[in-house]
Amino acid sequence: MKNNRAFTLIEVMVVLSILALIAILAYNFFGSTMKEATVSQAATKIYNDLRVISDAA
């Protein structure tokens, strides 16, 4: 009887599919987080600029 410890092609394909799904979910999560951070930074900058202008007036 053979002692075969290799992975089958199906097992490798299933693992790669799961990793691809995790990568897609991570990309979507971090992509939207980065957009929100950029919008938040822009809003903070505009607010601070308006405060400087109103203090100078």
N, C-alpha and C. Protein backbone atom coordinates (compact mmCIF):
# COMPACT_ATOMS: atom_id res chain seq x y z
N MET A 1 0.85 -1.19 0.00
CA MET A 1 0.00 0.00 0.00
C MET A 1 0.89 1.25 0.00
N LYS A 2 0.55 2.21 -0.86
CA LYS A 2 1.33 3.44 -0.98
C LYS A 2 1.00 4.39 0.18
N ASN A 3 2.02 5.12 0.59
CA ASN A 3 1.82 6.18 1.58
C ASN A 3 1.93 7.51 0.85
N ASN A 4 0.82 8.00 0.32
CA ASN A 4 0.80 9.21 -0.50
C ASN A 4 0.35 10.39 0.35
N ARG A 5 1.24 11.38 0.49
CA ARG A 5 0.92 12.55 1.33
C ARG A 5 0.76 13.83 0.51
N ALA A 6 0.57 13.75 -0.76
CA ALA A 6 0.44 14.93 -1.62
C ALA A 6 -1.00 15.45 -1.61
N PHE A 7 -1.14 16.73 -1.97
CA PHE A 7 -2.46 17.33 -2.10
C PHE A 7 -3.01 17.01 -3.49
N THR A 8 -4.31 16.86 -3.58
CA THR A 8 -4.93 16.66 -4.89
C THR A 8 -5.16 18.01 -5.54
N LEU A 9 -5.39 17.99 -6.83
CA LEU A 9 -5.64 19.22 -7.57
C LEU A 9 -6.90 19.92 -7.06
N ILE A 10 -7.91 19.15 -6.71
CA ILE A 10 -9.16 19.72 -6.19
C ILE A 10 -8.91 20.46 -4.88
N GLU A 11 -8.13 19.89 -4.00
CA GLU A 11 -7.83 20.54 -2.72
C GLU A 11 -7.10 21.86 -2.93
N VAL A 12 -6.14 21.87 -3.83
CA VAL A 12 -5.40 23.10 -4.12
C VAL A 12 -6.32 24.15 -4.72
N MET A 13 -7.20 23.74 -5.63
CA MET A 13 -8.12 24.69 -6.25
C MET A 13 -9.10 25.28 -5.23
N VAL A 14 -9.56 24.46 -4.30
CA VAL A 14 -10.48 24.96 -3.27
C VAL A 14 -9.78 25.98 -2.38
N VAL A 15 -8.55 25.69 -1.99
CA VAL A 15 -7.80 26.63 -1.14
C VAL A 15 -7.54 27.93 -1.88
N LEU A 16 -7.16 27.86 -3.15
CA LEU A 16 -6.92 29.08 -3.92
C LEU A 16 -8.20 29.89 -4.10
N SER A 17 -9.32 29.22 -4.28
CA SER A 17 -10.60 29.92 -4.40
C SER A 17 -10.95 30.66 -3.11
N ILE A 18 -10.74 30.01 -1.99
CA ILE A 18 -11.03 30.65 -0.70
C ILE A 18 -10.11 31.84 -0.49
N LEU A 19 -8.83 31.70 -0.82
CA LEU A 19 -7.90 32.82 -0.67
C LEU A 19 -8.28 33.98 -1.60
N ALA A 20 -8.75 33.67 -2.80
CA ALA A 20 -9.18 34.72 -3.72
C ALA A 20 -10.39 35.48 -3.17
N LEU A 21 -11.33 34.75 -2.59
CA LEU A 21 -12.50 35.42 -2.00
C LEU A 21 -12.10 36.31 -0.83
N ILE A 22 -11.20 35.84 0.00
CA ILE A 22 -10.72 36.64 1.13
C ILE A 22 -10.01 37.89 0.61
N ALA A 23 -9.21 37.75 -0.43
CA ALA A 23 -8.50 38.90 -1.00
C ALA A 23 -9.48 39.93 -1.57
N ILE A 24 -10.51 39.47 -2.24
CA ILE A 24 -11.52 40.38 -2.79
C ILE A 24 -12.24 41.13 -1.69
N LEU A 25 -12.62 40.43 -0.64
CA LEU A 25 -13.31 41.08 0.49
C LEU A 25 -12.40 42.09 1.18
N ALA A 26 -11.14 41.74 1.35
CA ALA A 26 -10.19 42.66 2.00
C ALA A 26 -9.98 43.90 1.14
N TYR A 27 -9.86 43.72 -0.16
CA TYR A 27 -9.67 44.85 -1.06
C TYR A 27 -10.87 45.80 -1.00
N ASN A 28 -12.06 45.25 -1.03
CA ASN A 28 -13.26 46.08 -0.95
C ASN A 28 -13.34 46.82 0.37
N PHE A 29 -13.02 46.15 1.47
CA PHE A 29 -13.09 46.79 2.78
C PHE A 29 -12.07 47.91 2.89
N PHE A 30 -10.81 47.63 2.54
CA PHE A 30 -9.78 48.65 2.68
C PHE A 30 -9.91 49.75 1.64
N GLY A 31 -10.45 49.43 0.48
CA GLY A 31 -10.68 50.46 -0.52
C GLY A 31 -11.70 51.48 -0.07
N SER A 32 -12.80 51.01 0.51
CA SER A 32 -13.82 51.95 0.99
C SER A 32 -13.33 52.70 2.22
N THR A 33 -12.52 52.06 3.04
CA THR A 33 -11.97 52.74 4.22
C THR A 33 -11.03 53.86 3.80
N MET A 34 -10.23 53.63 2.79
CA MET A 34 -9.32 54.66 2.31
C MET A 34 -10.09 55.84 1.71
N LYS A 35 -11.18 55.57 0.99
CA LYS A 35 -12.00 56.65 0.44
C LYS A 35 -12.61 57.49 1.56
N GLU A 36 -13.10 56.83 2.60
CA GLU A 36 -13.70 57.55 3.72
C GLU A 36 -12.65 58.40 4.44
N ALA A 37 -11.44 57.88 4.57
CA ALA A 37 -10.38 58.63 5.23
C ALA A 37 -10.00 59.87 4.41
N THR A 38 -9.97 59.73 3.09
CA THR A 38 -9.63 60.86 2.23
C THR A 38 -10.71 61.94 2.31
N VAL A 39 -11.96 61.54 2.29
CA VAL A 39 -13.06 62.50 2.41
C VAL A 39 -13.02 63.18 3.76
N SER A 40 -12.75 62.43 4.81
CA SER A 40 -12.68 62.99 6.16
C SER A 40 -11.54 64.01 6.26
N GLN A 41 -10.39 63.69 5.69
CA GLN A 41 -9.26 64.62 5.73
C GLN A 41 -9.59 65.90 4.95
N ALA A 42 -10.23 65.76 3.82
CA ALA A 42 -10.60 66.94 3.03
C ALA A 42 -11.59 67.81 3.78
N ALA A 43 -12.57 67.19 4.43
CA ALA A 43 -13.56 67.95 5.19
C ALA A 43 -12.90 68.68 6.35
N THR A 44 -11.97 68.03 7.02
CA THR A 44 -11.26 68.66 8.15
C THR A 44 -10.44 69.84 7.66
N LYS A 45 -9.78 69.68 6.51
CA LYS A 45 -8.97 70.78 5.97
C LYS A 45 -9.86 71.96 5.60
N ILE A 46 -10.98 71.72 4.95
CA ILE A 46 -11.90 72.81 4.59
C ILE A 46 -12.41 73.51 5.84
N TYR A 47 -12.78 72.74 6.86
CA TYR A 47 -13.27 73.32 8.11
C TYR A 47 -12.19 74.21 8.75
N ASN A 48 -10.96 73.71 8.79
CA ASN A 48 -9.88 74.50 9.39
C ASN A 48 -9.59 75.75 8.59
N ASP A 49 -9.64 75.65 7.26
CA ASP A 49 -9.41 76.83 6.42
C ASP A 49 -10.50 77.87 6.65
N LEU A 50 -11.75 77.42 6.75
CA LEU A 50 -12.84 78.36 6.99
C LEU A 50 -12.72 79.02 8.36
N ARG A 51 -12.24 78.27 9.34
CA ARG A 51 -12.04 78.84 10.68
C ARG A 51 -10.96 79.89 10.66
N VAL A 52 -9.88 79.67 9.94
CA VAL A 52 -8.80 80.64 9.82
C VAL A 52 -9.30 81.91 9.15
N ILE A 53 -10.10 81.73 8.08
CA ILE A 53 -10.64 82.89 7.36
C ILE A 53 -11.57 83.69 8.26
N SER A 54 -12.43 83.00 9.01
CA SER A 54 -13.38 83.72 9.86
C SER A 54 -12.66 84.39 11.04
N ASP A 55 -11.59 83.80 11.54
CA ASP A 55 -10.82 84.44 12.62
C ASP A 55 -10.08 85.67 12.13
N ALA A 56 -9.65 85.67 10.88
CA ALA A 56 -8.92 86.81 10.31
C ALA A 56 -9.86 87.96 9.98
N ALA A 57 -11.14 87.69 9.79
CA ALA A 57 -12.08 88.74 9.37
C ALA A 57 -12.54 89.57 10.53
